[in-house]
Amino acid sequence: MTTQEKLIKGKLGLLELAAYMQNVSEACKTLGYSRDTFYRVKLRYEEARIEGLREISRRKPNPGNRVPQEIDDKIVALALEYPAFGQVRIAAKLLELHGLTISPAGIRCI
């Protein structure tokens, strides 16, 4: 059983217990959920059934601070060609060969 399935099973268990007990407060207290969480789970279940209970990633993609793929490829090629070079020397070599200016910290993060 995957982690996703375990989380869905727990949420379904909360909904079933509340229906069985006919008391949302007691069901939430028994399973350690808040009533606010119960009503959010219930709403998502009513809207999309099992699929609505899946965990939603809260991570926001941040593509704005990435270098273009072709520059990334040039940096990787230089790093493989000169394995003893650190990020400062790779930055200097990138400027020398391709005329591209990237900070050593930017190279380290690639």
PDB file of N, CA and C in Angstrom:
ATOM      1  N   MET A   1       0.843  -1.169   0.000  1.00  0.00           N
ATOM      2  CA  MET A   1       0.000   0.000   0.000  1.00  0.00           C
ATOM      3  C   MET A   1       0.897   1.244   0.000  1.00  0.00           C
ATOM      4  N   THR A   2       0.645   2.140  -0.923  1.00  0.00           N
ATOM      5  CA  THR A   2       1.450   3.350  -1.029  1.00  0.00           C
ATOM      6  C   THR A   2       1.032   4.372   0.030  1.00  0.00           C
ATOM      7  N   THR A   3       1.862   5.379   0.198  1.00  0.00           N
ATOM      8  CA  THR A   3       1.551   6.444   1.146  1.00  0.00           C
ATOM      9  C   THR A   3       0.267   7.159   0.747  1.00  0.00           C
ATOM     10  N   GLN A   4       0.098   7.382  -0.549  1.00  0.00           N
ATOM     11  CA  GLN A   4      -1.102   8.044  -1.056  1.00  0.00           C
ATOM     12  C   GLN A   4      -2.355   7.249  -0.668  1.00  0.00           C
ATOM     13  N   GLU A   5      -2.286   5.927  -0.844  1.00  0.00           N
ATOM     14  CA  GLU A   5      -3.427   5.071  -0.509  1.00  0.00           C
ATOM     15  C   GLU A   5      -3.717   5.092   0.993  1.00  0.00           C
ATOM     16  N   LYS A   6      -2.665   5.148   1.814  1.00  0.00           N
ATOM     17  CA  LYS A   6      -2.861   5.199   3.261  1.00  0.00           C
ATOM     18  C   LYS A   6      -3.555   6.489   3.677  1.00  0.00           C
ATOM     19  N   LEU A   7      -3.167   7.585   3.053  1.00  0.00           N
ATOM     20  CA  LEU A   7      -3.796   8.867   3.376  1.00  0.00           C
ATOM     21  C   LEU A   7      -5.267   8.875   2.960  1.00  0.00           C
ATOM     22  N   ILE A   8      -5.544   8.323   1.784  1.00  0.00           N
ATOM     23  CA  ILE A   8      -6.928   8.257   1.313  1.00  0.00           C
ATOM     24  C   ILE A   8      -7.754   7.362   2.235  1.00  0.00           C
ATOM     25  N   LYS A   9      -7.169   6.246   2.652  1.00  0.00           N
ATOM     26  CA  LYS A   9      -7.875   5.316   3.538  1.00  0.00           C
ATOM     27  C   LYS A   9      -8.223   5.987   4.869  1.00  0.00           C
ATOM     28  N   GLY A  10      -7.303   6.794   5.395  1.00  0.00           N
ATOM     29  CA  GLY A  10      -7.565   7.509   6.645  1.00  0.00           C
ATOM     30  C   GLY A  10      -8.693   8.517   6.506  1.00  0.00           C
ATOM     31  N   LYS A  11      -8.710   9.225   5.379  1.00  0.00           N
ATOM     32  CA  LYS A  11      -9.774  10.209   5.153  1.00  0.00           C
ATOM     33  C   LYS A  11     -11.120   9.527   4.952  1.00  0.00           C
ATOM     34  N   LEU A  12     -11.114   8.413   4.221  1.00  0.00           N
ATOM     35  CA  LEU A  12     -12.356   7.654   4.050  1.00  0.00           C
ATOM     36  C   LEU A  12     -12.845   7.113   5.394  1.00  0.00           C
ATOM     37  N   GLY A  13     -11.906   6.667   6.209  1.00  0.00           N
ATOM     38  CA  GLY A  13     -12.257   6.171   7.538  1.00  0.00           C
ATOM     39  C   GLY A  13     -12.916   7.251   8.378  1.00  0.00           C
ATOM     40  N   LEU A  14     -12.425   8.469   8.268  1.00  0.00           N
ATOM     41  CA  LEU A  14     -13.028   9.579   9.000  1.00  0.00           C
ATOM     42  C   LEU A  14     -14.465   9.813   8.546  1.00  0.00           C
ATOM     43  N   LEU A  15     -14.671   9.817   7.229  1.00  0.00           N
ATOM     44  CA  LEU A  15     -16.024  10.030   6.703  1.00  0.00           C
ATOM     45  C   LEU A  15     -16.971   8.898   7.120  1.00  0.00           C
ATOM     46  N   GLU A  16     -16.480   7.658   7.067  1.00  0.00           N
ATOM     47  CA  GLU A  16     -17.315   6.511   7.439  1.00  0.00           C
ATOM     48  C   GLU A  16     -17.644   6.513   8.929  1.00  0.00           C
ATOM     49  N   LEU A  17     -16.652   6.855   9.754  1.00  0.00           N
ATOM     50  CA  LEU A  17     -16.898   6.886  11.193  1.00  0.00           C
ATOM     51  C   LEU A  17     -17.915   7.968  11.554  1.00  0.00           C
ATOM     52  N   ALA A  18     -17.796   9.118  10.910  1.00  0.00           N
ATOM     53  CA  ALA A  18     -18.752  10.199  11.174  1.00  0.00           C
ATOM     54  C   ALA A  18     -20.164   9.781  10.756  1.00  0.00           C
ATOM     55  N   ALA A  19     -20.290   9.070   9.648  1.00  0.00           N
ATOM     56  CA  ALA A  19     -21.610   8.595   9.207  1.00  0.00           C
ATOM     57  C   ALA A  19     -22.143   7.539  10.168  1.00  0.00           C
ATOM     58  N   TYR A  20     -21.264   6.652  10.648  1.00  0.00           N
ATOM     59  CA  TYR A  20     -21.673   5.587  11.561  1.00  0.00           C
ATOM     60  C   TYR A  20     -22.109   6.157  12.912  1.00  0.00           C
ATOM     61  N   MET A  21     -21.275   7.088  13.443  1.00  0.00           N
ATOM     62  CA  MET A  21     -21.565   7.650  14.758  1.00  0.00           C
ATOM     63  C   MET A  21     -22.657   8.722  14.697  1.00  0.00           C
ATOM     64  N   GLN A  22     -22.868   9.274  13.536  1.00  0.00           N
ATOM     65  CA  GLN A  22     -23.794  10.381  13.339  1.00  0.00           C
ATOM     66  C   GLN A  22     -23.433  11.561  14.235  1.00  0.00           C
ATOM     67  N   ASN A  23     -22.126  11.731  14.432  1.00  0.00           N
ATOM     68  CA  ASN A  23     -21.629  12.822  15.262  1.00  0.00           C
ATOM     69  C   ASN A  23     -20.234  13.198  14.746  1.00  0.00           C
ATOM     70  N   VAL A  24     -20.164  14.299  14.046  1.00  0.00           N
ATOM     71  CA  VAL A  24     -18.896  14.731  13.444  1.00  0.00           C
ATOM     72  C   VAL A  24     -17.869  15.057  14.513  1.00  0.00           C
ATOM     73  N   SER A  25     -18.259  15.748  15.557  1.00  0.00           N
ATOM     74  CA  SER A  25     -17.318  16.146  16.611  1.00  0.00           C
ATOM     75  C   SER A  25     -16.660  14.941  17.261  1.00  0.00           C
ATOM     76  N   GLU A  26     -17.446  13.932  17.590  1.00  0.00           N
ATOM     77  CA  GLU A  26     -16.894  12.736  18.233  1.00  0.00           C
ATOM     78  C   GLU A  26     -15.979  11.962  17.283  1.00  0.00           C
ATOM     79  N   ALA A  27     -16.379  11.856  16.036  1.00  0.00           N
ATOM     80  CA  ALA A  27     -15.544  11.146  15.058  1.00  0.00           C
ATOM     81  C   ALA A  27     -14.204  11.860  14.887  1.00  0.00           C
ATOM     82  N   CYS A  28     -14.234  13.168  14.807  1.00  0.00           N
ATOM     83  CA  CYS A  28     -12.997  13.938  14.654  1.00  0.00           C
ATOM     84  C   CYS A  28     -12.125  13.809  15.900  1.00  0.00           C
ATOM     85  N   LYS A  29     -12.758  13.866  17.062  1.00  0.00           N
ATOM     86  CA  LYS A  29     -12.010  13.734  18.316  1.00  0.00           C
ATOM     87  C   LYS A  29     -11.372  12.353  18.417  1.00  0.00           C
ATOM     88  N   THR A  30     -12.099  11.317  17.999  1.00  0.00           N
ATOM     89  CA  THR A  30     -11.601   9.941  18.065  1.00  0.00           C
ATOM     90  C   THR A  30     -10.387   9.741  17.165  1.00  0.00           C
ATOM     91  N   LEU A  31     -10.451  10.293  15.946  1.00  0.00           N
ATOM     92  CA  LEU A  31      -9.372  10.070  14.983  1.00  0.00           C
ATOM     93  C   LEU A  31      -8.322  11.178  14.976  1.00  0.00           C
ATOM     94  N   GLY A  32      -8.532  12.227  15.752  1.00  0.00           N
ATOM     95  CA  GLY A  32      -7.525  13.282  15.857  1.00  0.00           C
ATOM     96  C   GLY A  32      -7.543  14.286  14.711  1.00  0.00           C
ATOM     97  N   TYR A  33      -8.684  14.481  14.095  1.00  0.00           N
ATOM     98  CA  TYR A  33      -8.829  15.479  13.038  1.00  0.00           C
ATOM     99  C   TYR A  33      -9.595  16.670  13.594  1.00  0.00           C
ATOM    100  N   SER A  34      -9.404  17.826  12.980  1.00  0.00           N
ATOM    101  CA  SER A  34     -10.227  18.973  13.356  1.00  0.00           C
ATOM    102  C   SER A  34     -11.527  18.917  12.558  1.00  0.00           C
ATOM    103  N   ARG A  35     -12.535  19.601  13.038  1.00  0.00           N
ATOM    104  CA  ARG A  35     -13.810  19.627  12.311  1.00  0.00           C
ATOM    105  C   ARG A  35     -13.649  20.359  10.986  1.00  0.00           C
ATOM    106  N   ASP A  36     -12.795  21.362  10.962  1.00  0.00           N
ATOM    107  CA  ASP A  36     -12.528  22.084   9.720  1.00  0.00           C
ATOM    108  C   ASP A  36     -11.965  21.130   8.666  1.00  0.00           C
ATOM    109  N   THR A  37     -11.029  20.281   9.075  1.00  0.00           N
ATOM    110  CA  THR A  37     -10.458  19.290   8.156  1.00  0.00           C
ATOM    111  C   THR A  37     -11.531  18.330   7.684  1.00  0.00           C
ATOM    112  N   PHE A  38     -12.405  17.905   8.597  1.00  0.00           N
ATOM    113  CA  PHE A  38     -13.480  16.992   8.217  1.00  0.00           C
ATOM    114  C   PHE A  38     -14.335  17.593   7.109  1.00  0.00           C
ATOM    115  N   TYR A  39     -14.733  18.837   7.266  1.00  0.00           N
ATOM    116  CA  TYR A  39     -15.620  19.449   6.270  1.00  0.00           C
ATOM    117  C   TYR A  39     -14.901  19.696   4.946  1.00  0.00           C
ATOM    118  N   ARG A  40     -13.595  19.980   4.989  1.00  0.00           N
ATOM    119  CA  ARG A  40     -12.840  20.102   3.734  1.00  0.00           C
ATOM    120  C   ARG A  40     -12.755  18.753   3.026  1.00  0.00           C
ATOM    121  N   VAL A  41     -12.497  17.676   3.785  1.00  0.00           N
ATOM    122  CA  VAL A  41     -12.426  16.327   3.218  1.00  0.00           C
ATOM    123  C   VAL A  41     -13.790  15.932   2.652  1.00  0.00           C
ATOM    124  N   LYS A  42     -14.831  16.222   3.388  1.00  0.00           N
ATOM    125  CA  LYS A  42     -16.184  15.874   2.949  1.00  0.00           C
ATOM    126  C   LYS A  42     -16.533  16.597   1.649  1.00  0.00           C
ATOM    127  N   LEU A  43     -16.209  17.876   1.566  1.00  0.00           N
ATOM    128  CA  LEU A  43     -16.496  18.646   0.359  1.00  0.00           C
ATOM    129  C   LEU A  43     -15.724  18.094  -0.839  1.00  0.00           C
ATOM    130  N   ARG A  44     -14.445  17.803  -0.640  1.00  0.00           N
ATOM    131  CA  ARG A  44     -13.641  17.254  -1.739  1.00  0.00           C
ATOM    132  C   ARG A  44     -14.151  15.880  -2.157  1.00  0.00           C
ATOM    133  N   TYR A  45     -14.611  15.073  -1.201  1.00  0.00           N
ATOM    134  CA  TYR A  45     -15.148  13.752  -1.522  1.00  0.00           C
ATOM    135  C   TYR A  45     -16.452  13.881  -2.306  1.00  0.00           C
ATOM    136  N   GLU A  46     -17.292  14.810  -1.919  1.00  0.00           N
ATOM    137  CA  GLU A  46     -18.562  15.003  -2.630  1.00  0.00           C
ATOM    138  C   GLU A  46     -18.349  15.531  -4.045  1.00  0.00           C
ATOM    139  N   GLU A  47     -17.297  16.316  -4.251  1.00  0.00           N
ATOM    140  CA  GLU A  47     -17.033  16.881  -5.574  1.00  0.00           C
ATOM    141  C   GLU A  47     -16.377  15.879  -6.517  1.00  0.00           C
ATOM    142  N   ALA A  48     -15.410  15.086  -6.013  1.00  0.00           N
ATOM    143  CA  ALA A  48     -14.629  14.236  -6.933  1.00  0.00           C
ATOM    144  C   ALA A  48     -14.429  12.809  -6.434  1.00  0.00           C
ATOM    145  N   ARG A  49     -15.196  12.390  -5.456  1.00  0.00           N
ATOM    146  CA  ARG A  49     -15.082  11.033  -4.892  1.00  0.00           C
ATOM    147  C   ARG A  49     -13.642  10.741  -4.461  1.00  0.00           C
ATOM    148  N   ILE A  50     -13.143   9.542  -4.753  1.00  0.00           N
ATOM    149  CA  ILE A  50     -11.825   9.111  -4.275  1.00  0.00           C
ATOM    150  C   ILE A  50     -10.715  10.027  -4.802  1.00  0.00           C
ATOM    151  N   GLU A  51     -10.812  10.448  -6.057  1.00  0.00           N
ATOM    152  CA  GLU A  51      -9.777  11.310  -6.645  1.00  0.00           C
ATOM    153  C   GLU A  51      -9.653  12.625  -5.884  1.00  0.00           C
ATOM    154  N   GLY A  52     -10.727  13.093  -5.303  1.00  0.00           N
ATOM    155  CA  GLY A  52     -10.695  14.334  -4.546  1.00  0.00           C
ATOM    156  C   GLY A  52      -9.938  14.219  -3.235  1.00  0.00           C
ATOM    157  N   LEU A  53      -9.716  13.001  -2.764  1.00  0.00           N
ATOM    158  CA  LEU A  53      -9.020  12.794  -1.495  1.00  0.00           C
ATOM    159  C   LEU A  53      -7.509  12.671  -1.660  1.00  0.00           C
ATOM    160  N   ARG A  54      -7.033  12.651  -2.886  1.00  0.00           N
ATOM    161  CA  ARG A  54      -5.587  12.570  -3.110  1.00  0.00           C
ATOM    162  C   ARG A  54      -4.910  13.823  -2.575  1.00  0.00           C
ATOM    163  N   GLU A  55      -3.677  13.657  -2.119  1.00  0.00           N
ATOM    164  CA  GLU A  55      -2.916  14.798  -1.625  1.00  0.00           C
ATOM    165  C   GLU A  55      -2.543  15.707  -2.788  1.00  0.00           C
ATOM    166  N   ILE A  56      -2.682  16.990  -2.577  1.00  0.00           N
ATOM    167  CA  ILE A  56      -2.345  17.978  -3.587  1.00  0.00           C
ATOM    168  C   ILE A  56      -0.996  18.585  -3.214  1.00  0.00           C
ATOM    169  N   SER A  57      -0.097  18.593  -4.168  1.00  0.00           N
ATOM    170  CA  SER A  57       1.220  19.165  -3.915  1.00  0.00           C
ATOM    171  C   SER A  57       1.098  20.670  -3.716  1.00  0.00           C
ATOM    172  N   ARG A  58       1.730  21.169  -2.674  1.00  0.00           N
ATOM    173  CA  ARG A  58       1.697  22.605  -2.400  1.00  0.00           C
ATOM    174  C   ARG A  58       2.933  23.307  -2.949  1.00  0.00           C
ATOM    175  N   ARG A  59       3.846  22.540  -3.503  1.00  0.00           N
ATOM    176  CA  ARG A  59       5.059  23.141  -4.055  1.00  0.00           C
ATOM    177  C   ARG A  59       4.716  23.922  -5.307  1.00  0.00           C
ATOM    178  N   LYS A  60       5.241  25.105  -5.374  1.00  0.00           N
ATOM    179  CA  LYS A  60       5.022  25.928  -6.536  1.00  0.00           C
ATOM    180  C   LYS A  60       6.273  25.873  -7.412  1.00  0.00           C
ATOM    181  N   PRO A  61       6.118  25.599  -8.689  1.00  0.00           N
ATOM    182  CA  PRO A  61       7.297  25.567  -9.555  1.00  0.00           C
ATOM    183  C   PRO A  61       7.911  26.958  -9.654  1.00  0.00           C
ATOM    184  N   ASN A  62       9.227  26.995  -9.731  1.00  0.00           N
ATOM    185  CA  ASN A  62       9.937  28.259  -9.795  1.00  0.00           C
ATOM    186  C   ASN A  62      10.894  28.234 -10.988  1.00  0.00           C
ATOM    187  N   PRO A  63      10.369  28.276 -12.203  1.00  0.00           N
ATOM    188  CA  PRO A  63      11.242  28.203 -13.373  1.00  0.00           C
ATOM    189  C   PRO A  63      11.926  29.532 -13.691  1.00  0.00           C
ATOM    190  N   GLY A  64      11.574  30.610 -13.028  1.00  0.00           N
ATOM    191  CA  GLY A  64      12.116  31.920 -13.339  1.00  0.00           C
ATOM    192  C   GLY A  64      13.597  32.061 -13.080  1.00  0.00           C
ATOM    193  N   ASN A  65      14.153  31.273 -12.195  1.00  0.00           N
ATOM    194  CA  ASN A  65      15.559  31.429 -11.863  1.00  0.00           C
ATOM    195  C   ASN A  65      16.434  30.345 -12.503  1.00  0.00           C
ATOM    196  N   ARG A  66      15.969  29.734 -13.548  1.00  0.00           N
ATOM    197  CA  ARG A  66      16.737  28.705 -14.239  1.00  0.00           C
ATOM    198  C   ARG A  66      17.405  29.287 -15.470  1.00  0.00           C
ATOM    199  N   VAL A  67      18.579  28.757 -15.803  1.00  0.00           N
ATOM    200  CA  VAL A  67      19.239  29.163 -17.047  1.00  0.00           C
ATOM    201  C   VAL A  67      18.649  28.345 -18.189  1.00  0.00           C
ATOM    202  N   PRO A  68      18.714  28.844 -19.414  1.00  0.00           N
ATOM    203  CA  PRO A  68      18.207  28.062 -20.548  1.00  0.00           C
ATOM    204  C   PRO A  68      18.946  26.726 -20.683  1.00  0.00           C
ATOM    205  N   GLN A  69      18.274  25.749 -21.243  1.00  0.00           N
ATOM    206  CA  GLN A  69      18.816  24.389 -21.337  1.00  0.00           C
ATOM    207  C   GLN A  69      20.123  24.346 -22.131  1.00  0.00           C
ATOM    208  N   GLU A  70      20.259  25.149 -23.197  1.00  0.00           N
ATOM    209  CA  GLU A  70      21.488  25.107 -23.998  1.00  0.00           C
ATOM    210  C   GLU A  70      22.695  25.599 -23.198  1.00  0.00           C
ATOM    211  N   ILE A  71      22.495  26.582 -22.312  1.00  0.00           N
ATOM    212  CA  ILE A  71      23.597  27.042 -21.457  1.00  0.00           C
ATOM    213  C   ILE A  71      23.918  25.976 -20.414  1.00  0.00           C
ATOM    214  N   ASP A  72      22.888  25.370 -19.889  1.00  0.00           N
ATOM    215  CA  ASP A  72      23.066  24.272 -18.933  1.00  0.00           C
ATOM    216  C   ASP A  72      23.895  23.156 -19.563  1.00  0.00           C
ATOM    217  N   ASP A  73      23.601  22.803 -20.813  1.00  0.00           N
ATOM    218  CA  ASP A  73      24.336  21.749 -21.510  1.00  0.00           C
ATOM    219  C   ASP A  73      25.800  22.133 -21.710  1.00  0.00           C
ATOM    220  N   LYS A  74      26.059  23.418 -22.028  1.00  0.00           N
ATOM    221  CA  LYS A  74      27.443  23.880 -22.211  1.00  0.00           C
ATOM    222  C   LYS A  74      28.220  23.783 -20.904  1.00  0.00           C
ATOM    223  N   ILE A  75      27.591  24.123 -19.808  1.00  0.00           N
ATOM    224  CA  ILE A  75      28.255  24.054 -18.503  1.00  0.00           C
ATOM    225  C   ILE A  75      28.574  22.610 -18.138  1.00  0.00           C
ATOM    226  N   VAL A  76      27.630  21.726 -18.376  1.00  0.00           N
ATOM    227  CA  VAL A  76      27.856  20.310 -18.069  1.00  0.00           C
ATOM    228  C   VAL A  76      28.976  19.747 -18.947  1.00  0.00           C
ATOM    229  N   ALA A  77      28.999  20.138 -20.231  1.00  0.00           N
ATOM    230  CA  ALA A  77      30.055  19.672 -21.140  1.00  0.00           C
ATOM    231  C   ALA A  77      31.422  20.161 -20.667  1.00  0.00           C
ATOM    232  N   LEU A  78      31.508  21.416 -20.244  1.00  0.00           N
ATOM    233  CA  LEU A  78      32.781  21.941 -19.731  1.00  0.00           C
ATOM    234  C   LEU A  78      33.196  21.225 -18.449  1.00  0.00           C
ATOM    235  N   ALA A  79      32.234  20.942 -17.592  1.00  0.00           N
ATOM    236  CA  ALA A  79      32.551  20.244 -16.343  1.00  0.00           C
ATOM    237  C   ALA A  79      33.055  18.837 -16.604  1.00  0.00           C
ATOM    238  N   LEU A  80      32.530  18.199 -17.629  1.00  0.00           N
ATOM    239  CA  LEU A  80      33.012  16.854 -17.970  1.00  0.00           C
ATOM    240  C   LEU A  80      34.368  16.903 -18.675  1.00  0.00           C
ATOM    241  N   GLU A  81      34.579  17.951 -19.462  1.00  0.00           N
ATOM    242  CA  GLU A  81      35.849  18.101 -20.171  1.00  0.00           C
ATOM    243  C   GLU A  81      36.981  18.476 -19.215  1.00  0.00           C
ATOM    244  N   TYR A  82      36.679  19.282 -18.221  1.00  0.00           N
ATOM    245  CA  TYR A  82      37.663  19.726 -17.233  1.00  0.00           C
ATOM    246  C   TYR A  82      37.188  19.322 -15.837  1.00  0.00           C
ATOM    247  N   PRO A  83      37.338  18.070 -15.471  1.00  0.00           N
ATOM    248  CA  PRO A  83      36.779  17.601 -14.195  1.00  0.00           C
ATOM    249  C   PRO A  83      37.460  18.203 -12.959  1.00  0.00           C
ATOM    250  N   ALA A  84      38.672  18.716 -13.095  1.00  0.00           N
ATOM    251  CA  ALA A  84      39.372  19.280 -11.942  1.00  0.00           C
ATOM    252  C   ALA A  84      39.004  20.736 -11.693  1.00  0.00           C
ATOM    253  N   PHE A  85      38.281  21.366 -12.613  1.00  0.00           N
ATOM    254  CA  PHE A  85      37.916  22.769 -12.468  1.00  0.00           C
ATOM    255  C   PHE A  85      36.772  22.909 -11.470  1.00  0.00           C
ATOM    256  N   GLY A  86      36.844  23.947 -10.668  1.00  0.00           N
ATOM    257  CA  GLY A  86      35.743  24.294  -9.784  1.00  0.00           C
ATOM    258  C   GLY A  86      34.801  25.245 -10.490  1.00  0.00           C
ATOM    259  N   GLN A  87      33.851  25.763  -9.751  1.00  0.00           N
ATOM    260  CA  GLN A  87      32.860  26.619 -10.392  1.00  0.00           C
ATOM    261  C   GLN A  87      33.441  27.949 -10.865  1.00  0.00           C
ATOM    262  N   VAL A  88      34.479  28.464 -10.198  1.00  0.00           N
ATOM    263  CA  VAL A  88      35.073  29.730 -10.608  1.00  0.00           C
ATOM    264  C   VAL A  88      35.795  29.562 -11.940  1.00  0.00           C
ATOM    265  N   ARG A  89      36.543  28.485 -12.074  1.00  0.00           N
ATOM    266  CA  ARG A  89      37.280  28.258 -13.320  1.00  0.00           C
ATOM    267  C   ARG A  89      36.339  27.891 -14.459  1.00  0.00           C
ATOM    268  N   ILE A  90      35.270  27.179 -14.176  1.00  0.00           N
ATOM    269  CA  ILE A  90      34.276  26.862 -15.214  1.00  0.00           C
ATOM    270  C   ILE A  90      33.602  28.152 -15.686  1.00  0.00           C
ATOM    271  N   ALA A  91      33.307  29.072 -14.764  1.00  0.00           N
ATOM    272  CA  ALA A  91      32.700  30.350 -15.138  1.00  0.00           C
ATOM    273  C   ALA A  91      33.637  31.140 -16.033  1.00  0.00           C
ATOM    274  N   ALA A  92      34.924  31.144 -15.704  1.00  0.00           N
ATOM    275  CA  ALA A  92      35.911  31.846 -16.531  1.00  0.00           C
ATOM    276  C   ALA A  92      36.031  31.188 -17.908  1.00  0.00           C
ATOM    277  N   LYS A  93      36.052  29.880 -17.956  1.00  0.00           N
ATOM    278  CA  LYS A  93      36.161  29.147 -19.223  1.00  0.00           C
ATOM    279  C   LYS A  93      34.912  29.366 -20.079  1.00  0.00           C
ATOM    280  N   LEU A  94      33.754  29.433 -19.463  1.00  0.00           N
ATOM    281  CA  LEU A  94      32.503  29.683 -20.179  1.00  0.00           C
ATOM    282  C   LEU A  94      32.522  31.077 -20.821  1.00  0.00           C
ATOM    283  N   LEU A  95      33.068  32.042 -20.093  1.00  0.00           N
ATOM    284  CA  LEU A  95      33.195  33.398 -20.631  1.00  0.00           C
ATOM    285  C   LEU A  95      34.203  33.429 -21.773  1.00  0.00           C
ATOM    286  N   GLU A  96      35.293  32.722 -21.599  1.00  0.00           N
ATOM    287  CA  GLU A  96      36.356  32.694 -22.611  1.00  0.00           C
ATOM    288  C   GLU A  96      35.905  32.012 -23.903  1.00  0.00           C
ATOM    289  N   LEU A  97      35.274  30.849 -23.799  1.00  0.00           N
ATOM    290  CA  LEU A  97      34.915  30.066 -24.979  1.00  0.00           C
ATOM    291  C   LEU A  97      33.611  30.507 -25.634  1.00  0.00           C
ATOM    292  N   HIS A  98      32.627  30.861 -24.819  1.00  0.00           N
ATOM    293  CA  HIS A  98      31.295  31.115 -25.368  1.00  0.00           C
ATOM    294  C   HIS A  98      30.810  32.551 -25.160  1.00  0.00           C
ATOM    295  N   GLY A  99      31.553  33.351 -24.385  1.00  0.00           N
ATOM    296  CA  GLY A  99      31.144  34.726 -24.138  1.00  0.00           C
ATOM    297  C   GLY A  99      29.939  34.843 -23.217  1.00  0.00           C
ATOM    298  N   LEU A 100      29.685  33.814 -22.426  1.00  0.00           N
ATOM    299  CA  LEU A 100      28.538  33.802 -21.510  1.00  0.00           C
ATOM    300  C   LEU A 100      29.000  34.111 -20.089  1.00  0.00           C
ATOM    301  N   THR A 101      28.295  35.003 -19.439  1.00  0.00           N
ATOM    302  CA  THR A 101      28.645  35.371 -18.063  1.00  0.00           C
ATOM    303  C   THR A 101      27.609  34.779 -17.112  1.00  0.00           C
ATOM    304  N   ILE A 102      28.082  33.871 -16.281  1.00  0.00           N
ATOM    305  CA  ILE A 102      27.265  33.273 -15.226  1.00  0.00           C
ATOM    306  C   ILE A 102      28.110  33.253 -13.980  1.00  0.00           C
ATOM    307  N   SER A 103      27.513  33.579 -12.849  1.00  0.00           N
ATOM    308  CA  SER A 103      28.265  33.603 -11.594  1.00  0.00           C
ATOM    309  C   SER A 103      28.676  32.191 -11.211  1.00  0.00           C
ATOM    310  N   PRO A 104      29.776  32.067 -10.471  1.00  0.00           N
ATOM    311  CA  PRO A 104      30.184  30.747  -9.981  1.00  0.00           C
ATOM    312  C   PRO A 104      29.101  30.075  -9.134  1.00  0.00           C
ATOM    313  N   ALA A 105      28.358  30.867  -8.366  1.00  0.00           N
ATOM    314  CA  ALA A 105      27.279  30.276  -7.561  1.00  0.00           C
ATOM    315  C   ALA A 105      26.185  29.719  -8.478  1.00  0.00           C
ATOM    316  N   GLY A 106      25.928  30.400  -9.592  1.00  0.00           N
ATOM    317  CA  GLY A 106      24.958  29.909 -10.553  1.00  0.00           C
ATOM    318  C   GLY A 106      25.401  28.601 -11.195  1.00  0.00           C
ATOM    319  N   ILE A 107      26.689  28.482 -11.417  1.00  0.00           N
ATOM    320  CA  ILE A 107      27.237  27.252 -11.991  1.00  0.00           C
ATOM    321  C   ILE A 107      27.162  26.119 -10.961  1.00  0.00           C
ATOM    322  N   ARG A 108      27.431  26.434  -9.722  1.00  0.00           N
ATOM    323  CA  ARG A 108      27.391  25.406  -8.670  1.00  0.00           C
ATOM    324  C   ARG A 108      25.994  24.816  -8.532  1.00  0.00           C
ATOM    325  N   CYS A 109      24.971  25.609  -8.774  1.00  0.00           N
ATOM    326  CA  CYS A 109      23.590  25.159  -8.604  1.00  0.00           C
ATOM    327  C   CYS A 109      23.069  24.337  -9.781  1.00  0.00           C
ATOM    328  N   ILE A 110      23.843  24.212 -10.837  1.00  0.00           N
ATOM    329  CA  ILE A 110      23.385  23.458 -12.022  1.00  0.00           C
ATOM    330  C   ILE A 110      23.661  21.988 -11.845  1.00  0.00           C
TER     331      ILE A 110
END
